Amino acid sequence: METSKVKIKTEFIKLDQLLKFASLCDTGGFAKEIIQAGQVKVNGEVCTMRGKKIRPGDVIEVDQFRVEVE
């Protein structure tokens, strides 16, 4: 599994925005599709809420990619 770290400068970022920011999705529409299809895990659990607030310390997994938020 490929792991990368993403540093955010705000208190939180929404899940769909993070997927675009981390270059895991090209568009917001694609981010919405994979989130609703249950292909995204937040801290080890499937998350289908695209507006989920992601904070530093959270870990996002999509397919073979893992993003650690700092």
Protein backbone atom coordinates (compact mmCIF):
# COMPACT_ATOMS: atom_id res chain seq x y z
CA MET A 1 0.00 0.00 0.00
CA GLU A 2 1.34 3.40 -1.00
CA THR A 3 1.31 5.93 1.86
CA SER A 4 1.52 9.70 1.58
CA LYS A 5 1.12 12.56 4.04
CA VAL A 6 -1.01 15.64 3.48
CA LYS A 7 -0.67 18.73 5.65
CA ILE A 8 -3.72 20.93 6.05
CA LYS A 9 -3.60 24.46 7.43
CA THR A 10 -7.22 24.64 8.56
CA GLU A 11 -9.03 22.94 11.45
CA PHE A 12 -10.60 20.39 9.09
CA ILE A 13 -11.22 19.58 5.42
CA LYS A 14 -14.20 17.77 3.95
CA LEU A 15 -13.58 14.24 2.71
CA ASP A 16 -14.40 14.92 -0.95
CA GLN A 17 -12.14 17.99 -0.95
CA LEU A 18 -9.31 16.00 0.62
CA LEU A 19 -9.49 13.34 -2.09
CA LYS A 20 -9.03 16.06 -4.72
CA PHE A 21 -6.33 17.87 -2.68
CA ALA A 22 -4.36 14.63 -2.25
CA SER A 23 -4.68 13.92 -6.01
CA LEU A 24 -6.63 10.70 -5.45
CA CYS A 25 -9.47 12.06 -7.63
CA ASP A 26 -9.45 14.43 -10.58
CA THR A 27 -12.94 15.84 -10.02
CA GLY A 28 -15.42 16.32 -7.24
CA GLY A 29 -17.92 14.19 -9.16
CA PHE A 30 -15.55 11.23 -9.17
CA ALA A 31 -14.83 11.75 -5.46
CA LYS A 32 -18.57 11.69 -4.78
CA GLU A 33 -18.99 8.45 -6.75
CA ILE A 34 -16.26 6.49 -4.96
CA ILE A 35 -17.36 7.76 -1.54
CA GLN A 36 -20.99 6.76 -2.14
CA ALA A 37 -19.85 3.37 -3.53
CA GLY A 38 -18.17 2.62 -0.18
CA GLN A 39 -14.63 2.55 -1.58
CA VAL A 40 -13.22 5.05 0.95
CA LYS A 41 -12.20 4.23 4.51
CA VAL A 42 -11.67 6.83 7.24
CA ASN A 43 -9.65 5.55 10.19
CA GLY A 44 -10.26 1.95 9.08
CA GLU A 45 -14.05 2.21 8.64
CA VAL A 46 -16.00 2.64 5.40
CA CYS A 47 -17.35 6.19 5.13
CA THR A 48 -20.13 7.19 2.72
CA MET A 49 -20.44 10.82 3.89
CA ARG A 50 -18.65 13.07 1.43
CA GLY A 51 -18.94 16.03 3.81
CA LYS A 52 -17.24 14.15 6.67
CA LYS A 53 -14.84 16.48 8.48
CA ILE A 54 -11.28 15.19 8.26
CA ARG A 55 -8.88 16.49 10.88
CA PRO A 56 -5.14 16.12 11.48
CA GLY A 57 -4.41 12.60 12.68
CA ASP A 58 -7.05 10.95 10.48
CA VAL A 59 -6.08 8.25 7.97
CA ILE A 60 -7.87 7.87 4.63
CA GLU A 61 -7.66 4.72 2.48
CA VAL A 62 -8.74 4.37 -1.15
CA ASP A 63 -7.84 1.16 -3.02
CA GLN A 64 -4.07 0.75 -2.54
CA PHE A 65 -3.49 4.33 -1.39
CA ARG A 66 -3.27 5.58 2.20
CA VAL A 67 -3.23 9.26 3.15
CA GLU A 68 -2.21 10.45 6.60
CA VAL A 69 -3.49 13.93 7.44
CA GLU A 70 -1.17 16.21 9.39
